[in-house]
Amino acid sequence: MPARFLVRIARTAEADTEDLWNFIAQDNPDAADRFVQELLKQVATLERFPARCALIQENELMGTTYRHLLYGDYRTVFRISGHAVFVLRIVHGSRLLDSSMFDQASQSF
């Protein structure tokens, strides 16, 4: 049986989730609840085989080895370190990433 990874979520990713809920809830609070619940279920799957997720294209520019898990139009950006997964940000897929988005995230666990 493969090892389980400890999934840790940065405060910045928690804030991203709250912002996402607030955005969707402007039109439909029930839909916001459902979307965020499903998103968090997907994040929980990172306990098993997080390396199945693709490396992000921005790694080449930022000098990082971040991966992402896609859900709808959103990307959960994370890094793997040992047997831990650090969820750094949850952002819309059309948003370009730069290293400044991760400066605070890396220190907010």
N, C-alpha and C. Protein backbone atom coordinates (compact mmCIF):
# COMPACT_ATOMS: atom_id res chain seq x y z
N MET A 1 0.85 -1.18 0.00
CA MET A 1 0.00 0.00 0.00
C MET A 1 0.89 1.24 0.00
N PRO A 2 0.65 2.19 -0.90
CA PRO A 2 1.48 3.39 -0.97
C PRO A 2 1.34 4.25 0.28
N ALA A 3 2.40 4.96 0.56
CA ALA A 3 2.41 5.83 1.74
C ALA A 3 1.42 6.97 1.57
N ARG A 4 0.88 7.42 2.67
CA ARG A 4 0.01 8.59 2.67
C ARG A 4 0.86 9.83 2.87
N PHE A 5 0.46 10.89 2.23
CA PHE A 5 1.11 12.17 2.39
C PHE A 5 0.28 13.04 3.33
N LEU A 6 0.94 13.82 4.13
CA LEU A 6 0.27 14.79 4.97
C LEU A 6 -0.02 16.01 4.10
N VAL A 7 -1.28 16.42 4.00
CA VAL A 7 -1.66 17.57 3.19
C VAL A 7 -1.82 18.77 4.11
N ARG A 8 -1.02 19.78 3.88
CA ARG A 8 -1.08 21.01 4.67
C ARG A 8 -1.51 22.15 3.76
N ILE A 9 -2.43 22.96 4.24
CA ILE A 9 -2.99 24.05 3.43
C ILE A 9 -2.55 25.39 4.01
N ALA A 10 -1.88 26.18 3.20
CA ALA A 10 -1.40 27.50 3.63
C ALA A 10 -2.58 28.43 3.87
N ARG A 11 -2.37 29.39 4.73
CA ARG A 11 -3.42 30.40 4.99
C ARG A 11 -3.79 31.15 3.71
N THR A 12 -2.84 31.33 2.83
CA THR A 12 -3.14 32.00 1.56
C THR A 12 -4.12 31.17 0.73
N ALA A 13 -3.96 29.85 0.72
CA ALA A 13 -4.90 28.98 -0.01
C ALA A 13 -6.27 28.97 0.67
N GLU A 14 -6.28 29.03 2.00
CA GLU A 14 -7.56 29.14 2.71
C GLU A 14 -8.26 30.44 2.35
N ALA A 15 -7.49 31.53 2.27
CA ALA A 15 -8.07 32.82 1.88
C ALA A 15 -8.57 32.79 0.44
N ASP A 16 -7.82 32.11 -0.44
CA ASP A 16 -8.26 31.96 -1.83
C ASP A 16 -9.61 31.24 -1.88
N THR A 17 -9.75 30.20 -1.07
CA THR A 17 -11.00 29.43 -1.03
C THR A 17 -12.15 30.29 -0.53
N GLU A 18 -11.88 31.07 0.50
CA GLU A 18 -12.92 31.97 1.02
C GLU A 18 -13.33 33.01 -0.03
N ASP A 19 -12.35 33.57 -0.72
CA ASP A 19 -12.65 34.54 -1.78
C ASP A 19 -13.47 33.90 -2.90
N LEU A 20 -13.12 32.67 -3.25
CA LEU A 20 -13.85 31.94 -4.28
C LEU A 20 -15.29 31.72 -3.84
N TRP A 21 -15.49 31.29 -2.59
CA TRP A 21 -16.84 31.08 -2.08
C TRP A 21 -17.63 32.40 -2.14
N ASN A 22 -17.02 33.48 -1.68
CA ASN A 22 -17.70 34.78 -1.69
C ASN A 22 -18.10 35.21 -3.09
N PHE A 23 -17.24 34.96 -4.06
CA PHE A 23 -17.53 35.32 -5.44
C PHE A 23 -18.73 34.55 -5.98
N ILE A 24 -18.72 33.23 -5.78
CA ILE A 24 -19.82 32.40 -6.28
C ILE A 24 -21.11 32.70 -5.51
N ALA A 25 -20.99 32.93 -4.20
CA ALA A 25 -22.16 33.13 -3.35
C ALA A 25 -22.91 34.42 -3.66
N GLN A 26 -22.27 35.35 -4.34
CA GLN A 26 -22.98 36.57 -4.74
C GLN A 26 -24.20 36.22 -5.56
N ASP A 27 -24.09 35.16 -6.37
CA ASP A 27 -25.21 34.72 -7.20
C ASP A 27 -25.97 33.55 -6.58
N ASN A 28 -25.23 32.65 -5.90
CA ASN A 28 -25.89 31.43 -5.42
C ASN A 28 -25.08 30.82 -4.26
N PRO A 29 -25.45 31.10 -3.02
CA PRO A 29 -24.72 30.56 -1.87
C PRO A 29 -24.68 29.03 -1.83
N ASP A 30 -25.77 28.38 -2.25
CA ASP A 30 -25.77 26.91 -2.26
C ASP A 30 -24.76 26.36 -3.26
N ALA A 31 -24.68 26.99 -4.42
CA ALA A 31 -23.70 26.57 -5.43
C ALA A 31 -22.28 26.80 -4.92
N ALA A 32 -22.08 27.89 -4.19
CA ALA A 32 -20.77 28.17 -3.61
C ALA A 32 -20.39 27.08 -2.62
N ASP A 33 -21.34 26.69 -1.77
CA ASP A 33 -21.09 25.61 -0.81
C ASP A 33 -20.69 24.32 -1.53
N ARG A 34 -21.47 23.95 -2.53
CA ARG A 34 -21.20 22.70 -3.26
C ARG A 34 -19.84 22.75 -3.96
N PHE A 35 -19.55 23.88 -4.62
CA PHE A 35 -18.30 23.98 -5.37
C PHE A 35 -17.10 23.86 -4.43
N VAL A 36 -17.12 24.60 -3.33
CA VAL A 36 -15.99 24.58 -2.40
C VAL A 36 -15.87 23.21 -1.74
N GLN A 37 -16.97 22.57 -1.40
CA GLN A 37 -16.90 21.22 -0.82
C GLN A 37 -16.25 20.24 -1.78
N GLU A 38 -16.63 20.30 -3.04
CA GLU A 38 -16.03 19.40 -4.04
C GLU A 38 -14.56 19.73 -4.27
N LEU A 39 -14.24 20.99 -4.30
CA LEU A 39 -12.84 21.41 -4.45
C LEU A 39 -12.00 20.85 -3.31
N LEU A 40 -12.49 20.97 -2.08
CA LEU A 40 -11.74 20.47 -0.92
C LEU A 40 -11.66 18.95 -0.91
N LYS A 41 -12.67 18.27 -1.44
CA LYS A 41 -12.58 16.81 -1.58
C LYS A 41 -11.44 16.44 -2.52
N GLN A 42 -11.32 17.20 -3.60
CA GLN A 42 -10.23 16.94 -4.54
C GLN A 42 -8.88 17.20 -3.90
N VAL A 43 -8.78 18.27 -3.14
CA VAL A 43 -7.52 18.58 -2.46
C VAL A 43 -7.14 17.42 -1.53
N ALA A 44 -8.12 16.85 -0.87
CA ALA A 44 -7.86 15.73 0.05
C ALA A 44 -7.29 14.52 -0.68
N THR A 45 -7.55 14.38 -1.97
CA THR A 45 -7.01 13.24 -2.72
C THR A 45 -5.49 13.32 -2.87
N LEU A 46 -4.93 14.47 -2.55
CA LEU A 46 -3.47 14.61 -2.64
C LEU A 46 -2.75 13.76 -1.59
N GLU A 47 -3.49 13.19 -0.64
CA GLU A 47 -2.89 12.27 0.33
C GLU A 47 -2.28 11.06 -0.37
N ARG A 48 -2.83 10.74 -1.51
CA ARG A 48 -2.36 9.57 -2.29
C ARG A 48 -1.88 10.03 -3.65
N PHE A 49 -0.69 9.67 -4.01
CA PHE A 49 -0.13 9.91 -5.34
C PHE A 49 -0.17 11.38 -5.79
N PRO A 50 0.32 12.32 -5.00
CA PRO A 50 0.29 13.71 -5.45
C PRO A 50 1.14 13.96 -6.69
N ALA A 51 2.12 13.11 -6.92
CA ALA A 51 2.99 13.28 -8.10
C ALA A 51 2.26 12.97 -9.40
N ARG A 52 1.01 12.48 -9.30
CA ARG A 52 0.22 12.23 -10.52
C ARG A 52 -0.16 13.54 -11.20
N CYS A 53 -0.12 14.62 -10.45
CA CYS A 53 -0.51 15.93 -10.96
C CYS A 53 0.64 16.55 -11.74
N ALA A 54 0.29 17.26 -12.77
CA ALA A 54 1.28 17.85 -13.67
C ALA A 54 2.07 18.97 -13.00
N LEU A 55 3.30 19.12 -13.45
CA LEU A 55 4.11 20.28 -13.07
C LEU A 55 3.53 21.50 -13.77
N ILE A 56 3.57 22.66 -13.11
CA ILE A 56 3.04 23.87 -13.74
C ILE A 56 4.04 24.42 -14.73
N GLN A 57 3.54 25.06 -15.75
CA GLN A 57 4.40 25.61 -16.80
C GLN A 57 5.28 26.73 -16.28
N GLU A 58 4.82 27.45 -15.26
CA GLU A 58 5.57 28.59 -14.73
C GLU A 58 6.83 28.19 -13.98
N ASN A 59 7.01 26.90 -13.70
CA ASN A 59 8.20 26.45 -12.98
C ASN A 59 9.48 26.90 -13.66
N GLU A 60 9.49 26.83 -14.96
CA GLU A 60 10.69 27.19 -15.71
C GLU A 60 11.09 28.64 -15.45
N LEU A 61 10.11 29.52 -15.37
CA LEU A 61 10.39 30.94 -15.12
C LEU A 61 10.70 31.23 -13.66
N MET A 62 10.04 30.49 -12.75
CA MET A 62 10.18 30.78 -11.33
C MET A 62 11.26 29.94 -10.65
N GLY A 63 11.77 28.91 -11.34
CA GLY A 63 12.78 28.06 -10.73
C GLY A 63 12.21 27.21 -9.60
N THR A 64 10.98 26.74 -9.77
CA THR A 64 10.31 25.94 -8.75
C THR A 64 9.93 24.58 -9.30
N THR A 65 9.35 23.75 -8.46
CA THR A 65 8.85 22.44 -8.88
C THR A 65 7.41 22.26 -8.39
N TYR A 66 6.60 23.28 -8.58
CA TYR A 66 5.22 23.23 -8.16
C TYR A 66 4.40 22.38 -9.13
N ARG A 67 3.35 21.81 -8.60
CA ARG A 67 2.40 21.02 -9.38
C ARG A 67 1.02 21.65 -9.22
N HIS A 68 0.08 21.19 -10.04
CA HIS A 68 -1.28 21.68 -9.85
C HIS A 68 -2.29 20.57 -10.05
N LEU A 69 -3.38 20.73 -9.32
CA LEU A 69 -4.54 19.85 -9.43
C LEU A 69 -5.66 20.71 -9.96
N LEU A 70 -6.28 20.28 -11.04
CA LEU A 70 -7.32 21.08 -11.68
C LEU A 70 -8.70 20.65 -11.22
N TYR A 71 -9.53 21.64 -10.96
CA TYR A 71 -10.94 21.40 -10.66
C TYR A 71 -11.74 22.52 -11.31
N GLY A 72 -12.55 22.17 -12.28
CA GLY A 72 -13.28 23.20 -13.02
C GLY A 72 -12.27 24.14 -13.66
N ASP A 73 -12.47 25.44 -13.44
CA ASP A 73 -11.57 26.45 -13.98
C ASP A 73 -10.46 26.83 -13.01
N TYR A 74 -10.30 26.07 -11.92
CA TYR A 74 -9.38 26.46 -10.86
C TYR A 74 -8.21 25.49 -10.74
N ARG A 75 -7.08 26.06 -10.33
CA ARG A 75 -5.85 25.30 -10.13
C ARG A 75 -5.49 25.35 -8.65
N THR A 76 -5.28 24.19 -8.07
CA THR A 76 -4.73 24.10 -6.72
C THR A 76 -3.24 23.88 -6.90
N VAL A 77 -2.44 24.87 -6.53
CA VAL A 77 -1.00 24.82 -6.74
C VAL A 77 -0.34 24.36 -5.45
N PHE A 78 0.54 23.36 -5.57
CA PHE A 78 1.16 22.78 -4.38
C PHE A 78 2.58 22.32 -4.69
N ARG A 79 3.29 22.01 -3.61
CA ARG A 79 4.62 21.41 -3.75
C ARG A 79 4.67 20.19 -2.86
N ILE A 80 5.51 19.26 -3.23
CA ILE A 80 5.71 18.04 -2.46
C ILE A 80 7.08 18.14 -1.81
N SER A 81 7.13 17.83 -0.52
CA SER A 81 8.39 17.81 0.21
C SER A 81 8.36 16.60 1.15
N GLY A 82 9.19 15.62 0.84
CA GLY A 82 9.18 14.39 1.63
C GLY A 82 7.82 13.72 1.53
N HIS A 83 7.20 13.48 2.67
CA HIS A 83 5.87 12.87 2.69
C HIS A 83 4.81 13.89 3.04
N ALA A 84 5.04 15.13 2.63
CA ALA A 84 4.06 16.20 2.87
C ALA A 84 3.75 16.92 1.56
N VAL A 85 2.52 17.36 1.46
CA VAL A 85 2.06 18.16 0.34
C VAL A 85 1.66 19.51 0.91
N PHE A 86 2.22 20.57 0.36
CA PHE A 86 1.94 21.93 0.83
C PHE A 86 1.11 22.65 -0.23
N VAL A 87 -0.17 22.85 0.06
CA VAL A 87 -1.06 23.56 -0.86
C VAL A 87 -0.82 25.05 -0.65
N LEU A 88 -0.36 25.72 -1.70
CA LEU A 88 0.06 27.11 -1.60
C LEU A 88 -1.01 28.10 -2.03
N ARG A 89 -1.68 27.82 -3.14
CA ARG A 89 -2.68 28.76 -3.68
C ARG A 89 -3.75 27.98 -4.41
N ILE A 90 -4.93 28.58 -4.49
CA ILE A 90 -6.02 28.08 -5.31
C ILE A 90 -6.46 29.27 -6.15
N VAL A 91 -6.18 29.19 -7.46
CA VAL A 91 -6.38 30.34 -8.34
C VAL A 91 -7.12 29.93 -9.60
N HIS A 92 -7.74 30.91 -10.24
CA HIS A 92 -8.40 30.67 -11.52
C HIS A 92 -7.35 30.27 -12.55
N GLY A 93 -7.70 29.33 -13.37
CA GLY A 93 -6.76 28.80 -14.36
C GLY A 93 -6.25 29.80 -15.37
N SER A 94 -6.99 30.88 -15.59
CA SER A 94 -6.55 31.89 -16.57
C SER A 94 -5.54 32.85 -15.97
N ARG A 95 -5.37 32.79 -14.67
CA ARG A 95 -4.47 33.72 -13.99
C ARG A 95 -3.02 33.27 -14.15
N LEU A 96 -2.17 34.18 -14.58
CA LEU A 96 -0.75 33.88 -14.70
C LEU A 96 -0.13 33.93 -13.31
N LEU A 97 0.74 32.99 -13.04
CA LEU A 97 1.39 32.91 -11.74
C LEU A 97 2.76 33.56 -11.79
N ASP A 98 3.14 34.20 -10.70
CA ASP A 98 4.50 34.70 -10.57
C ASP A 98 4.97 34.41 -9.15
N SER A 99 6.26 34.50 -8.95
CA SER A 99 6.83 34.09 -7.66
C SER A 99 6.31 34.90 -6.48
N SER A 100 5.88 36.13 -6.70
CA SER A 100 5.38 36.95 -5.59
C SER A 100 4.11 36.36 -4.98
N MET A 101 3.37 35.57 -5.76
CA MET A 101 2.15 34.95 -5.25
C MET A 101 2.46 33.87 -4.22
N PHE A 102 3.70 33.40 -4.19
CA PHE A 102 4.06 32.29 -3.32
C PHE A 102 4.97 32.68 -2.17
N ASP A 103 5.44 33.93 -2.17
CA ASP A 103 6.34 34.36 -1.10
C ASP A 103 5.69 34.19 0.28
N GLN A 104 4.51 34.73 0.44
CA GLN A 104 3.81 34.65 1.72
C GLN A 104 3.27 33.23 1.94
N ALA A 105 2.84 32.57 0.88
CA ALA A 105 2.23 31.24 1.01
C ALA A 105 3.19 30.25 1.61
N SER A 106 4.45 30.30 1.23
CA SER A 106 5.44 29.35 1.72
C SER A 106 5.69 29.48 3.21
N GLN A 107 5.33 30.62 3.78
CA GLN A 107 5.59 30.85 5.19
C GLN A 107 4.31 30.82 6.03
N SER A 108 3.18 30.45 5.43
CA SER A 108 1.91 30.57 6.15
C SER A 108 1.29 29.23 6.53
N PHE A 109 2.10 28.31 6.99
CA PHE A 109 1.57 27.01 7.41
C PHE A 109 1.50 26.93 8.92
